[in-house]
Amino acid sequence: MKRPNLRSYSIDGQEVFLLSITSLAKMVGVKTQTLRKWEAKKLLPKAGLLIPTKSPLSTAQGEIYKRLYTEEQAGVLAWWVAKVRPSKGLIIKASLIDMLHEKWDEADKKFKERLKRKED
């Protein structure tokens, strides 16, 4: 697993470090487009954090959002990809998809708990 390229963002007045979809893809060894396809097919849960971009397309096509991922989510996805080794044409059992979603949700809860502890 490659070292993630984290960027600093402000969420509820707190500095947090998150990954873009491009950084997440590099970290787990797949293409960015693959992650987008997995998300569209509901294999990969949607990014929990979205920020509006300043893309010129935003005004023409409505708001465009940048997907952001936590280190915890990146770790879960890297673990899952190594375990399942998804590839084109491979049918993935529902139980393996459920496992990813369950672990993803746990990672999301850990991130939110970490944010809450910083607030206190």
PDB file of N, CA and C in Angstrom:
ATOM      1  N   MET A   1       0.852  -1.178   0.000  1.00  0.00           N
ATOM      2  CA  MET A   1       0.000   0.000   0.000  1.00  0.00           C
ATOM      3  C   MET A   1       0.896   1.239   0.000  1.00  0.00           C
ATOM      4  N   LYS A   2       0.595   2.148  -0.885  1.00  0.00           N
ATOM      5  CA  LYS A   2       1.371   3.381  -0.984  1.00  0.00           C
ATOM      6  C   LYS A   2       0.974   4.355   0.114  1.00  0.00           C
ATOM      7  N   ARG A   3       1.902   5.245   0.462  1.00  0.00           N
ATOM      8  CA  ARG A   3       1.641   6.279   1.464  1.00  0.00           C
ATOM      9  C   ARG A   3       0.624   7.262   0.893  1.00  0.00           C
ATOM     10  N   PRO A   4      -0.447   7.552   1.656  1.00  0.00           N
ATOM     11  CA  PRO A   4      -1.470   8.451   1.124  1.00  0.00           C
ATOM     12  C   PRO A   4      -0.993   9.893   1.016  1.00  0.00           C
ATOM     13  N   ASN A   5      -1.518  10.595   0.019  1.00  0.00           N
ATOM     14  CA  ASN A   5      -1.251  12.016  -0.177  1.00  0.00           C
ATOM     15  C   ASN A   5      -2.407  12.781   0.463  1.00  0.00           C
ATOM     16  N   LEU A   6      -2.234  13.139   1.733  1.00  0.00           N
ATOM     17  CA  LEU A   6      -3.293  13.802   2.484  1.00  0.00           C
ATOM     18  C   LEU A   6      -3.214  15.306   2.310  1.00  0.00           C
ATOM     19  N   ARG A   7      -4.377  15.934   2.268  1.00  0.00           N
ATOM     20  CA  ARG A   7      -4.451  17.394   2.205  1.00  0.00           C
ATOM     21  C   ARG A   7      -5.256  17.883   3.391  1.00  0.00           C
ATOM     22  N   SER A   8      -4.937  19.080   3.805  1.00  0.00           N
ATOM     23  CA  SER A   8      -5.610  19.684   4.945  1.00  0.00           C
ATOM     24  C   SER A   8      -6.905  20.372   4.501  1.00  0.00           C
ATOM     25  N   TYR A   9      -7.982  20.118   5.256  1.00  0.00           N
ATOM     26  CA  TYR A   9      -9.274  20.752   5.021  1.00  0.00           C
ATOM     27  C   TYR A   9      -9.827  21.206   6.363  1.00  0.00           C
ATOM     28  N   SER A  10     -10.691  22.182   6.333  1.00  0.00           N
ATOM     29  CA  SER A  10     -11.345  22.642   7.551  1.00  0.00           C
ATOM     30  C   SER A  10     -12.778  22.128   7.560  1.00  0.00           C
ATOM     31  N   ILE A  11     -13.108  21.373   8.601  1.00  0.00           N
ATOM     32  CA  ILE A  11     -14.458  20.850   8.767  1.00  0.00           C
ATOM     33  C   ILE A  11     -14.936  21.267  10.152  1.00  0.00           C
ATOM     34  N   ASP A  12     -16.023  22.000  10.178  1.00  0.00           N
ATOM     35  CA  ASP A  12     -16.562  22.522  11.440  1.00  0.00           C
ATOM     36  C   ASP A  12     -15.487  23.238  12.252  1.00  0.00           C
ATOM     37  N   GLY A  13     -14.646  23.996  11.551  1.00  0.00           N
ATOM     38  CA  GLY A  13     -13.606  24.775  12.211  1.00  0.00           C
ATOM     39  C   GLY A  13     -12.392  23.976  12.656  1.00  0.00           C
ATOM     40  N   GLN A  14     -12.346  22.699  12.308  1.00  0.00           N
ATOM     41  CA  GLN A  14     -11.220  21.849  12.684  1.00  0.00           C
ATOM     42  C   GLN A  14     -10.408  21.467  11.457  1.00  0.00           C
ATOM     43  N   GLU A  15      -9.100  21.411  11.615  1.00  0.00           N
ATOM     44  CA  GLU A  15      -8.239  20.972  10.529  1.00  0.00           C
ATOM     45  C   GLU A  15      -8.202  19.448  10.513  1.00  0.00           C
ATOM     46  N   VAL A  16      -8.555  18.892   9.365  1.00  0.00           N
ATOM     47  CA  VAL A  16      -8.506  17.443   9.183  1.00  0.00           C
ATOM     48  C   VAL A  16      -7.751  17.148   7.894  1.00  0.00           C
ATOM     49  N   PHE A  17      -7.198  15.957   7.823  1.00  0.00           N
ATOM     50  CA  PHE A  17      -6.437  15.551   6.648  1.00  0.00           C
ATOM     51  C   PHE A  17      -7.202  14.462   5.924  1.00  0.00           C
ATOM     52  N   LEU A  18      -7.451  14.721   4.632  1.00  0.00           N
ATOM     53  CA  LEU A  18      -8.283  13.838   3.826  1.00  0.00           C
ATOM     54  C   LEU A  18      -7.618  13.541   2.487  1.00  0.00           C
ATOM     55  N   LEU A  19      -8.126  12.518   1.822  1.00  0.00           N
ATOM     56  CA  LEU A  19      -7.629  12.121   0.509  1.00  0.00           C
ATOM     57  C   LEU A  19      -8.650  12.450  -0.565  1.00  0.00           C
ATOM     58  N   SER A  20      -8.160  12.863  -1.712  1.00  0.00           N
ATOM     59  CA  SER A  20      -9.024  13.025  -2.885  1.00  0.00           C
ATOM     60  C   SER A  20      -9.260  11.635  -3.481  1.00  0.00           C
ATOM     61  N   ILE A  21     -10.176  11.546  -4.401  1.00  0.00           N
ATOM     62  CA  ILE A  21     -10.437  10.259  -5.049  1.00  0.00           C
ATOM     63  C   ILE A  21      -9.197   9.791  -5.824  1.00  0.00           C
ATOM     64  N   THR A  22      -8.439  10.739  -6.380  1.00  0.00           N
ATOM     65  CA  THR A  22      -7.215  10.396  -7.112  1.00  0.00           C
ATOM     66  C   THR A  22      -6.177   9.794  -6.164  1.00  0.00           C
ATOM     67  N   SER A  23      -6.003  10.416  -5.003  1.00  0.00           N
ATOM     68  CA  SER A  23      -5.047   9.897  -4.016  1.00  0.00           C
ATOM     69  C   SER A  23      -5.481   8.537  -3.493  1.00  0.00           C
ATOM     70  N   LEU A  24      -6.791   8.372  -3.270  1.00  0.00           N
ATOM     71  CA  LEU A  24      -7.310   7.086  -2.805  1.00  0.00           C
ATOM     72  C   LEU A  24      -7.044   6.003  -3.845  1.00  0.00           C
ATOM     73  N   ALA A  25      -7.302   6.316  -5.109  1.00  0.00           N
ATOM     74  CA  ALA A  25      -7.082   5.342  -6.181  1.00  0.00           C
ATOM     75  C   ALA A  25      -5.620   4.914  -6.242  1.00  0.00           C
ATOM     76  N   LYS A  26      -4.704   5.886  -6.155  1.00  0.00           N
ATOM     77  CA  LYS A  26      -3.270   5.550  -6.177  1.00  0.00           C
ATOM     78  C   LYS A  26      -2.897   4.689  -4.986  1.00  0.00           C
ATOM     79  N   MET A  27      -3.462   5.010  -3.845  1.00  0.00           N
ATOM     80  CA  MET A  27      -3.139   4.275  -2.630  1.00  0.00           C
ATOM     81  C   MET A  27      -3.530   2.804  -2.715  1.00  0.00           C
ATOM     82  N   VAL A  28      -4.704   2.534  -3.286  1.00  0.00           N
ATOM     83  CA  VAL A  28      -5.169   1.144  -3.344  1.00  0.00           C
ATOM     84  C   VAL A  28      -4.800   0.440  -4.637  1.00  0.00           C
ATOM     85  N   GLY A  29      -4.223   1.181  -5.591  1.00  0.00           N
ATOM     86  CA  GLY A  29      -3.730   0.555  -6.813  1.00  0.00           C
ATOM     87  C   GLY A  29      -4.765   0.332  -7.894  1.00  0.00           C
ATOM     88  N   VAL A  30      -5.756   1.225  -7.963  1.00  0.00           N
ATOM     89  CA  VAL A  30      -6.753   1.150  -9.038  1.00  0.00           C
ATOM     90  C   VAL A  30      -6.852   2.524  -9.697  1.00  0.00           C
ATOM     91  N   LYS A  31      -7.571   2.589 -10.796  1.00  0.00           N
ATOM     92  CA  LYS A  31      -7.766   3.869 -11.476  1.00  0.00           C
ATOM     93  C   LYS A  31      -8.891   4.654 -10.797  1.00  0.00           C
ATOM     94  N   THR A  32      -8.793   5.970 -10.903  1.00  0.00           N
ATOM     95  CA  THR A  32      -9.829   6.835 -10.356  1.00  0.00           C
ATOM     96  C   THR A  32     -11.183   6.477 -10.953  1.00  0.00           C
ATOM     97  N   GLN A  33     -11.210   6.241 -12.247  1.00  0.00           N
ATOM     98  CA  GLN A  33     -12.458   5.888 -12.934  1.00  0.00           C
ATOM     99  C   GLN A  33     -13.045   4.595 -12.358  1.00  0.00           C
ATOM    100  N   THR A  34     -12.190   3.676 -11.947  1.00  0.00           N
ATOM    101  CA  THR A  34     -12.668   2.428 -11.346  1.00  0.00           C
ATOM    102  C   THR A  34     -13.432   2.722 -10.060  1.00  0.00           C
ATOM    103  N   LEU A  35     -12.882   3.607  -9.221  1.00  0.00           N
ATOM    104  CA  LEU A  35     -13.572   3.959  -7.983  1.00  0.00           C
ATOM    105  C   LEU A  35     -14.917   4.613  -8.273  1.00  0.00           C
ATOM    106  N   ARG A  36     -14.960   5.465  -9.289  1.00  0.00           N
ATOM    107  CA  ARG A  36     -16.230   6.107  -9.653  1.00  0.00           C
ATOM    108  C   ARG A  36     -17.257   5.071 -10.127  1.00  0.00           C
ATOM    109  N   LYS A  37     -16.791   4.096 -10.898  1.00  0.00           N
ATOM    110  CA  LYS A  37     -17.688   3.034 -11.365  1.00  0.00           C
ATOM    111  C   LYS A  37     -18.170   2.188 -10.195  1.00  0.00           C
ATOM    112  N   TRP A  38     -17.257   1.860  -9.271  1.00  0.00           N
ATOM    113  CA  TRP A  38     -17.654   1.078  -8.097  1.00  0.00           C
ATOM    114  C   TRP A  38     -18.692   1.828  -7.284  1.00  0.00           C
ATOM    115  N   GLU A  39     -18.517   3.139  -7.166  1.00  0.00           N
ATOM    116  CA  GLU A  39     -19.485   3.947  -6.420  1.00  0.00           C
ATOM    117  C   GLU A  39     -20.833   3.959  -7.137  1.00  0.00           C
ATOM    118  N   ALA A  40     -20.816   4.122  -8.445  1.00  0.00           N
ATOM    119  CA  ALA A  40     -22.064   4.142  -9.228  1.00  0.00           C
ATOM    120  C   ALA A  40     -22.808   2.803  -9.122  1.00  0.00           C
ATOM    121  N   LYS A  41     -22.059   1.709  -9.046  1.00  0.00           N
ATOM    122  CA  LYS A  41     -22.665   0.376  -8.934  1.00  0.00           C
ATOM    123  C   LYS A  41     -22.980  -0.003  -7.489  1.00  0.00           C
ATOM    124  N   LYS A  42     -22.706   0.919  -6.557  1.00  0.00           N
ATOM    125  CA  LYS A  42     -22.946   0.724  -5.125  1.00  0.00           C
ATOM    126  C   LYS A  42     -22.054  -0.357  -4.518  1.00  0.00           C
ATOM    127  N   LEU A  43     -20.965  -0.668  -5.199  1.00  0.00           N
ATOM    128  CA  LEU A  43     -19.973  -1.567  -4.635  1.00  0.00           C
ATOM    129  C   LEU A  43     -19.193  -0.816  -3.551  1.00  0.00           C
ATOM    130  N   LEU A  44     -18.789   0.387  -3.879  1.00  0.00           N
ATOM    131  CA  LEU A  44     -18.083   1.260  -2.945  1.00  0.00           C
ATOM    132  C   LEU A  44     -19.083   2.259  -2.381  1.00  0.00           C
ATOM    133  N   PRO A  45     -19.133   2.397  -1.044  1.00  0.00           N
ATOM    134  CA  PRO A  45     -20.035   3.412  -0.481  1.00  0.00           C
ATOM    135  C   PRO A  45     -19.660   4.806  -0.988  1.00  0.00           C
ATOM    136  N   LYS A  46     -20.642   5.679  -1.056  1.00  0.00           N
ATOM    137  CA  LYS A  46     -20.384   7.061  -1.487  1.00  0.00           C
ATOM    138  C   LYS A  46     -19.456   7.743  -0.504  1.00  0.00           C
ATOM    139  N   ALA A  47     -18.674   8.668  -1.024  1.00  0.00           N
ATOM    140  CA  ALA A  47     -17.798   9.459  -0.160  1.00  0.00           C
ATOM    141  C   ALA A  47     -18.663  10.203   0.843  1.00  0.00           C
ATOM    142  N   GLY A  48     -18.268  10.170   2.084  1.00  0.00           N
ATOM    143  CA  GLY A  48     -19.036  10.831   3.121  1.00  0.00           C
ATOM    144  C   GLY A  48     -18.833  12.327   3.160  1.00  0.00           C
ATOM    145  N   LEU A  49     -17.745  12.788   2.572  1.00  0.00           N
ATOM    146  CA  LEU A  49     -17.425  14.210   2.596  1.00  0.00           C
ATOM    147  C   LEU A  49     -17.318  14.730   1.170  1.00  0.00           C
ATOM    148  N   LEU A  50     -18.083  15.756   0.883  1.00  0.00           N
ATOM    149  CA  LEU A  50     -18.076  16.375  -0.437  1.00  0.00           C
ATOM    150  C   LEU A  50     -17.875  17.873  -0.260  1.00  0.00           C
ATOM    151  N   ILE A  51     -17.008  18.451  -1.088  1.00  0.00           N
ATOM    152  CA  ILE A  51     -16.856  19.906  -1.070  1.00  0.00           C
ATOM    153  C   ILE A  51     -17.060  20.423  -2.486  1.00  0.00           C
ATOM    154  N   PRO A  52     -17.692  21.582  -2.622  1.00  0.00           N
ATOM    155  CA  PRO A  52     -17.892  22.128  -3.971  1.00  0.00           C
ATOM    156  C   PRO A  52     -16.558  22.494  -4.605  1.00  0.00           C
ATOM    157  N   THR A  53     -16.425  22.244  -5.896  1.00  0.00           N
ATOM    158  CA  THR A  53     -15.216  22.614  -6.615  1.00  0.00           C
ATOM    159  C   THR A  53     -15.421  23.963  -7.276  1.00  0.00           C
ATOM    160  N   LYS A  54     -14.345  24.529  -7.734  1.00  0.00           N
ATOM    161  CA  LYS A  54     -14.421  25.802  -8.454  1.00  0.00           C
ATOM    162  C   LYS A  54     -14.241  25.558  -9.948  1.00  0.00           C
ATOM    163  N   SER A  55     -14.764  24.444 -10.390  1.00  0.00           N
ATOM    164  CA  SER A  55     -14.649  24.064 -11.789  1.00  0.00           C
ATOM    165  C   SER A  55     -15.485  24.979 -12.669  1.00  0.00           C
ATOM    166  N   PRO A  56     -14.966  25.308 -13.870  1.00  0.00           N
ATOM    167  CA  PRO A  56     -15.765  26.097 -14.817  1.00  0.00           C
ATOM    168  C   PRO A  56     -17.050  25.376 -15.213  1.00  0.00           C
ATOM    169  N   LEU A  57     -17.068  24.064 -15.085  1.00  0.00           N
ATOM    170  CA  LEU A  57     -18.264  23.293 -15.425  1.00  0.00           C
ATOM    171  C   LEU A  57     -19.362  23.479 -14.384  1.00  0.00           C
ATOM    172  N   SER A  58     -18.994  23.898 -13.172  1.00  0.00           N
ATOM    173  CA  SER A  58     -19.967  24.047 -12.091  1.00  0.00           C
ATOM    174  C   SER A  58     -21.108  24.972 -12.467  1.00  0.00           C
ATOM    175  N   THR A  59     -20.805  26.080 -13.109  1.00  0.00           N
ATOM    176  CA  THR A  59     -21.866  27.024 -13.450  1.00  0.00           C
ATOM    177  C   THR A  59     -22.737  26.504 -14.584  1.00  0.00           C
ATOM    178  N   ALA A  60     -22.152  25.793 -15.530  1.00  0.00           N
ATOM    179  CA  ALA A  60     -22.900  25.292 -16.679  1.00  0.00           C
ATOM    180  C   ALA A  60     -23.752  24.068 -16.328  1.00  0.00           C
ATOM    181  N   GLN A  61     -23.239  23.221 -15.433  1.00  0.00           N
ATOM    182  CA  GLN A  61     -23.929  21.956 -15.154  1.00  0.00           C
ATOM    183  C   GLN A  61     -24.414  21.848 -13.707  1.00  0.00           C
ATOM    184  N   GLY A  62     -24.463  22.955 -12.999  1.00  0.00           N
ATOM    185  CA  GLY A  62     -24.819  22.892 -11.591  1.00  0.00           C
ATOM    186  C   GLY A  62     -23.567  22.676 -10.764  1.00  0.00           C
ATOM    187  N   GLU A  63     -23.742  22.505  -9.491  1.00  0.00           N
ATOM    188  CA  GLU A  63     -22.609  22.358  -8.574  1.00  0.00           C
ATOM    189  C   GLU A  63     -21.898  21.021  -8.799  1.00  0.00           C
ATOM    190  N   ILE A  64     -20.584  21.053  -8.835  1.00  0.00           N
ATOM    191  CA  ILE A  64     -19.773  19.843  -8.945  1.00  0.00           C
ATOM    192  C   ILE A  64     -19.013  19.696  -7.636  1.00  0.00           C
ATOM    193  N   TYR A  65     -19.013  18.489  -7.092  1.00  0.00           N
ATOM    194  CA  TYR A  65     -18.390  18.254  -5.797  1.00  0.00           C
ATOM    195  C   TYR A  65     -17.163  17.368  -5.912  1.00  0.00           C
ATOM    196  N   LYS A  66     -16.207  17.634  -5.043  1.00  0.00           N
ATOM    197  CA  LYS A  66     -14.998  16.831  -4.934  1.00  0.00           C
ATOM    198  C   LYS A  66     -15.217  15.813  -3.821  1.00  0.00           C
ATOM    199  N   ARG A  67     -14.972  14.537  -4.118  1.00  0.00           N
ATOM    200  CA  ARG A  67     -15.109  13.478  -3.126  1.00  0.00           C
ATOM    201  C   ARG A  67     -13.865  13.489  -2.223  1.00  0.00           C
ATOM    202  N   LEU A  68     -14.088  13.351  -0.931  1.00  0.00           N
ATOM    203  CA  LEU A  68     -12.983  13.287   0.020  1.00  0.00           C
ATOM    204  C   LEU A  68     -13.152  12.065   0.916  1.00  0.00           C
ATOM    205  N   TYR A  69     -12.024  11.460   1.249  1.00  0.00           N
ATOM    206  CA  TYR A  69     -12.035  10.219   2.013  1.00  0.00           C
ATOM    207  C   TYR A  69     -11.096  10.338   3.208  1.00  0.00           C
ATOM    208  N   THR A  70     -11.446   9.653   4.280  1.00  0.00           N
ATOM    209  CA  THR A  70     -10.614   9.657   5.480  1.00  0.00           C
ATOM    210  C   THR A  70      -9.526   8.596   5.367  1.00  0.00           C
ATOM    211  N   GLU A  71      -8.513   8.725   6.207  1.00  0.00           N
ATOM    212  CA  GLU A  71      -7.469   7.697   6.251  1.00  0.00           C
ATOM    213  C   GLU A  71      -8.061   6.353   6.650  1.00  0.00           C
ATOM    214  N   GLU A  72      -9.034   6.399   7.544  1.00  0.00           N
ATOM    215  CA  GLU A  72      -9.681   5.161   7.991  1.00  0.00           C
ATOM    216  C   GLU A  72     -10.377   4.462   6.828  1.00  0.00           C
ATOM    217  N   GLN A  73     -11.100   5.234   6.015  1.00  0.00           N
ATOM    218  CA  GLN A  73     -11.779   4.650   4.851  1.00  0.00           C
ATOM    219  C   GLN A  73     -10.761   4.115   3.849  1.00  0.00           C
ATOM    220  N   ALA A  74      -9.681   4.839   3.656  1.00  0.00           N
ATOM    221  CA  ALA A  74      -8.639   4.397   2.728  1.00  0.00           C
ATOM    222  C   ALA A  74      -8.045   3.068   3.188  1.00  0.00           C
ATOM    223  N   GLY A  75      -7.828   2.944   4.486  1.00  0.00           N
ATOM    224  CA  GLY A  75      -7.300   1.687   5.027  1.00  0.00           C
ATOM    225  C   GLY A  75      -8.247   0.529   4.804  1.00  0.00           C
ATOM    226  N   VAL A  76      -9.523   0.780   5.010  1.00  0.00           N
ATOM    227  CA  VAL A  76     -10.537  -0.253   4.793  1.00  0.00           C
ATOM    228  C   VAL A  76     -10.557  -0.674   3.327  1.00  0.00           C
ATOM    229  N   LEU A  77     -10.567   0.294   2.419  1.00  0.00           N
ATOM    230  CA  LEU A  77     -10.621  -0.038   0.995  1.00  0.00           C
ATOM    231  C   LEU A  77      -9.368  -0.780   0.551  1.00  0.00           C
ATOM    232  N   ALA A  78      -8.200  -0.350   1.020  1.00  0.00           N
ATOM    233  CA  ALA A  78      -6.948  -1.036   0.667  1.00  0.00           C
ATOM    234  C   ALA A  78      -6.986  -2.484   1.156  1.00  0.00           C
ATOM    235  N   TRP A  79      -7.464  -2.684   2.380  1.00  0.00           N
ATOM    236  CA  TRP A  79      -7.584  -4.046   2.941  1.00  0.00           C
ATOM    237  C   TRP A  79      -8.533  -4.873   2.088  1.00  0.00           C
ATOM    238  N   TRP A  80      -9.687  -4.308   1.727  1.00  0.00           N
ATOM    239  CA  TRP A  80     -10.700  -5.030   0.975  1.00  0.00           C
ATOM    240  C   TRP A  80     -10.206  -5.395  -0.425  1.00  0.00           C
ATOM    241  N   VAL A  81      -9.556  -4.451  -1.102  1.00  0.00           N
ATOM    242  CA  VAL A  81      -9.042  -4.714  -2.457  1.00  0.00           C
ATOM    243  C   VAL A  81      -7.998  -5.828  -2.406  1.00  0.00           C
ATOM    244  N   ALA A  82      -7.125  -5.799  -1.387  1.00  0.00           N
ATOM    245  CA  ALA A  82      -6.115  -6.858  -1.259  1.00  0.00           C
ATOM    246  C   ALA A  82      -6.764  -8.216  -0.993  1.00  0.00           C
ATOM    247  N   LYS A  83      -7.837  -8.217  -0.217  1.00  0.00           N
ATOM    248  CA  LYS A  83      -8.521  -9.469   0.129  1.00  0.00           C
ATOM    249  C   LYS A  83      -9.328 -10.017  -1.049  1.00  0.00           C
ATOM    250  N   VAL A  84     -10.106  -9.150  -1.697  1.00  0.00           N
ATOM    251  CA  VAL A  84     -11.048  -9.593  -2.736  1.00  0.00           C
ATOM    252  C   VAL A  84     -10.405  -9.643  -4.120  1.00  0.00           C
ATOM    253  N   ARG A  85      -9.463  -8.762  -4.372  1.00  0.00           N
ATOM    254  CA  ARG A  85      -8.820  -8.631  -5.678  1.00  0.00           C
ATOM    255  C   ARG A  85      -9.849  -8.476  -6.798  1.00  0.00           C
ATOM    256  N   PRO A  86     -10.702  -7.440  -6.677  1.00  0.00           N
ATOM    257  CA  PRO A  86     -11.725  -7.242  -7.709  1.00  0.00           C
ATOM    258  C   PRO A  86     -11.103  -6.919  -9.056  1.00  0.00           C
ATOM    259  N   SER A  87     -11.657  -7.486 -10.101  1.00  0.00           N
ATOM    260  CA  SER A  87     -11.166  -7.202 -11.452  1.00  0.00           C
ATOM    261  C   SER A  87     -12.346  -7.208 -12.415  1.00  0.00           C
ATOM    262  N   LYS A  88     -12.095  -6.681 -13.594  1.00  0.00           N
ATOM    263  CA  LYS A  88     -13.157  -6.578 -14.603  1.00  0.00           C
ATOM    264  C   LYS A  88     -13.730  -7.956 -14.901  1.00  0.00           C
ATOM    265  N   GLY A  89     -15.040  -8.026 -14.869  1.00  0.00           N
ATOM    266  CA  GLY A  89     -15.718  -9.279 -15.181  1.00  0.00           C
ATOM    267  C   GLY A  89     -15.894 -10.203 -13.986  1.00  0.00           C
ATOM    268  N   LEU A  90     -15.268  -9.894 -12.875  1.00  0.00           N
ATOM    269  CA  LEU A  90     -15.377 -10.725 -11.679  1.00  0.00           C
ATOM    270  C   LEU A  90     -16.704 -10.422 -10.982  1.00  0.00           C
ATOM    271  N   ILE A  91     -17.442 -11.455 -10.673  1.00  0.00           N
ATOM    272  CA  ILE A  91     -18.685 -11.271  -9.917  1.00  0.00           C
ATOM    273  C   ILE A  91     -18.320 -11.374  -8.443  1.00  0.00           C
ATOM    274  N   ILE A  92     -18.652 -10.314  -7.707  1.00  0.00           N
ATOM    275  CA  ILE A  92     -18.295 -10.253  -6.295  1.00  0.00           C
ATOM    276  C   ILE A  92     -19.519 -10.627  -5.466  1.00  0.00           C
ATOM    277  N   LYS A  93     -19.320 -11.554  -4.542  1.00  0.00           N
ATOM    278  CA  LYS A  93     -20.425 -12.004  -3.694  1.00  0.00           C
ATOM    279  C   LYS A  93     -20.978 -10.843  -2.881  1.00  0.00           C
ATOM    280  N   ALA A  94     -22.278 -10.895  -2.689  1.00  0.00           N
ATOM    281  CA  ALA A  94     -22.952  -9.857  -1.897  1.00  0.00           C
ATOM    282  C   ALA A  94     -22.362  -9.762  -0.492  1.00  0.00           C
ATOM    283  N   SER A  95     -21.958 -10.884   0.067  1.00  0.00           N
ATOM    284  CA  SER A  95     -21.399 -10.876   1.425  1.00  0.00           C
ATOM    285  C   SER A  95     -20.095 -10.077   1.486  1.00  0.00           C
ATOM    286  N   LEU A  96     -19.312 -10.115   0.411  1.00  0.00           N
ATOM    287  CA  LEU A  96     -18.062  -9.345   0.377  1.00  0.00           C
ATOM    288  C   LEU A  96     -18.339  -7.847   0.218  1.00  0.00           C
ATOM    289  N   ILE A  97     -19.382  -7.526  -0.526  1.00  0.00           N
ATOM    290  CA  ILE A  97     -19.781  -6.119  -0.666  1.00  0.00           C
ATOM    291  C   ILE A  97     -20.313  -5.612   0.675  1.00  0.00           C
ATOM    292  N   ASP A  98     -21.138  -6.435   1.326  1.00  0.00           N
ATOM    293  CA  ASP A  98     -21.662  -6.066   2.645  1.00  0.00           C
ATOM    294  C   ASP A  98     -20.531  -5.854   3.647  1.00  0.00           C
ATOM    295  N   MET A  99     -19.501  -6.704   3.571  1.00  0.00           N
ATOM    296  CA  MET A  99     -18.353  -6.579   4.464  1.00  0.00           C
ATOM    297  C   MET A  99     -17.665  -5.225   4.263  1.00  0.00           C
ATOM    298  N   LEU A 100     -17.477  -4.831   3.009  1.00  0.00           N
ATOM    299  CA  LEU A 100     -16.858  -3.537   2.722  1.00  0.00           C
ATOM    300  C   LEU A 100     -17.707  -2.403   3.287  1.00  0.00           C
ATOM    301  N   HIS A 101     -19.002  -2.455   3.065  1.00  0.00           N
ATOM    302  CA  HIS A 101     -19.891  -1.390   3.547  1.00  0.00           C
ATOM    303  C   HIS A 101     -19.887  -1.321   5.076  1.00  0.00           C
ATOM    304  N   GLU A 102     -19.872  -2.471   5.720  1.00  0.00           N
ATOM    305  CA  GLU A 102     -19.857  -2.513   7.193  1.00  0.00           C
ATOM    306  C   GLU A 102     -18.561  -1.898   7.736  1.00  0.00           C
ATOM    307  N   LYS A 103     -17.437  -2.321   7.191  1.00  0.00           N
ATOM    308  CA  LYS A 103     -16.139  -1.789   7.634  1.00  0.00           C
ATOM    309  C   LYS A 103     -16.028  -0.300   7.310  1.00  0.00           C
ATOM    310  N   TRP A 104     -16.563   0.108   6.169  1.00  0.00           N
ATOM    311  CA  TRP A 104     -16.546   1.509   5.751  1.00  0.00           C
ATOM    312  C   TRP A 104     -17.315   2.365   6.761  1.00  0.00           C
ATOM    313  N   ASP A 105     -18.512   1.863   7.139  1.00  0.00           N
ATOM    314  CA  ASP A 105     -19.330   2.582   8.114  1.00  0.00           C
ATOM    315  C   ASP A 105     -18.608   2.695   9.462  1.00  0.00           C
ATOM    316  N   GLU A 106     -17.930   1.617   9.874  1.00  0.00           N
ATOM    317  CA  GLU A 106     -17.150   1.650  11.119  1.00  0.00           C
ATOM    318  C   GLU A 106     -16.045   2.702  11.030  1.00  0.00           C
ATOM    319  N   ALA A 107     -15.373   2.769   9.885  1.00  0.00           N
ATOM    320  CA  ALA A 107     -14.308   3.754   9.687  1.00  0.00           C
ATOM    321  C   ALA A 107     -14.878   5.167   9.732  1.00  0.00           C
ATOM    322  N   ASP A 108     -16.051   5.357   9.149  1.00  0.00           N
ATOM    323  CA  ASP A 108     -16.700   6.667   9.159  1.00  0.00           C
ATOM    324  C   ASP A 108     -17.053   7.081  10.590  1.00  0.00           C
ATOM    325  N   LYS A 109     -17.555   6.136  11.385  1.00  0.00           N
ATOM    326  CA  LYS A 109     -17.890   6.420  12.790  1.00  0.00           C
ATOM    327  C   LYS A 109     -16.641   6.800  13.578  1.00  0.00           C
ATOM    328  N   LYS A 110     -15.529   6.089  13.334  1.00  0.00           N
ATOM    329  CA  LYS A 110     -14.277   6.407  14.024  1.00  0.00           C
ATOM    330  C   LYS A 110     -13.815   7.821  13.701  1.00  0.00           C
ATOM    331  N   PHE A 111     -13.941   8.203  12.432  1.00  0.00           N
ATOM    332  CA  PHE A 111     -13.552   9.549  12.023  1.00  0.00           C
ATOM    333  C   PHE A 111     -14.421  10.587  12.723  1.00  0.00           C
ATOM    334  N   LYS A 112     -15.732  10.365  12.749  1.00  0.00           N
ATOM    335  CA  LYS A 112     -16.640  11.311  13.393  1.00  0.00           C
ATOM    336  C   LYS A 112     -16.396  11.398  14.895  1.00  0.00           C
ATOM    337  N   GLU A 113     -16.068  10.253  15.507  1.00  0.00           N
ATOM    338  CA  GLU A 113     -15.727  10.268  16.937  1.00  0.00           C
ATOM    339  C   GLU A 113     -14.451  11.062  17.190  1.00  0.00           C
ATOM    340  N   ARG A 114     -13.493  10.922  16.297  1.00  0.00           N
ATOM    341  CA  ARG A 114     -12.240  11.660  16.410  1.00  0.00           C
ATOM    342  C   ARG A 114     -12.505  13.165  16.308  1.00  0.00           C
ATOM    343  N   LEU A 115     -13.384  13.554  15.389  1.00  0.00           N
ATOM    344  CA  LEU A 115     -13.754  14.968  15.261  1.00  0.00           C
ATOM    345  C   LEU A 115     -14.439  15.474  16.526  1.00  0.00           C
ATOM    346  N   LYS A 116     -15.321  14.650  17.050  1.00  0.00           N
ATOM    347  CA  LYS A 116     -16.063  15.047  18.253  1.00  0.00           C
ATOM    348  C   LYS A 116     -15.119  15.207  19.445  1.00  0.00           C
ATOM    349  N   ARG A 117     -14.148  14.313  19.581  1.00  0.00           N
ATOM    350  CA  ARG A 117     -13.182  14.419  20.695  1.00  0.00           C
ATOM    351  C   ARG A 117     -12.372  15.691  20.598  1.00  0.00           C
ATOM    352  N   LYS A 118     -12.033  16.105  19.367  1.00  0.00           N
ATOM    353  CA  LYS A 118     -11.290  17.338  19.184  1.00  0.00           C
ATOM    354  C   LYS A 118     -12.092  18.554  19.592  1.00  0.00           C
ATOM    355  N   GLU A 119     -13.434  18.475  19.403  1.00  0.00           N
ATOM    356  CA  GLU A 119     -14.304  19.586  19.766  1.00  0.00           C
ATOM    357  C   GLU A 119     -14.352  19.770  21.287  1.00  0.00           C
ATOM    358  N   ASP A 120     -14.344  18.651  22.022  1.00  0.00           N
ATOM    359  CA  ASP A 120     -14.485  18.704  23.490  1.00  0.00           C
ATOM    360  C   ASP A 120     -13.288  19.260  24.198  1.00  0.00           C
TER     361      ASP A 120
END
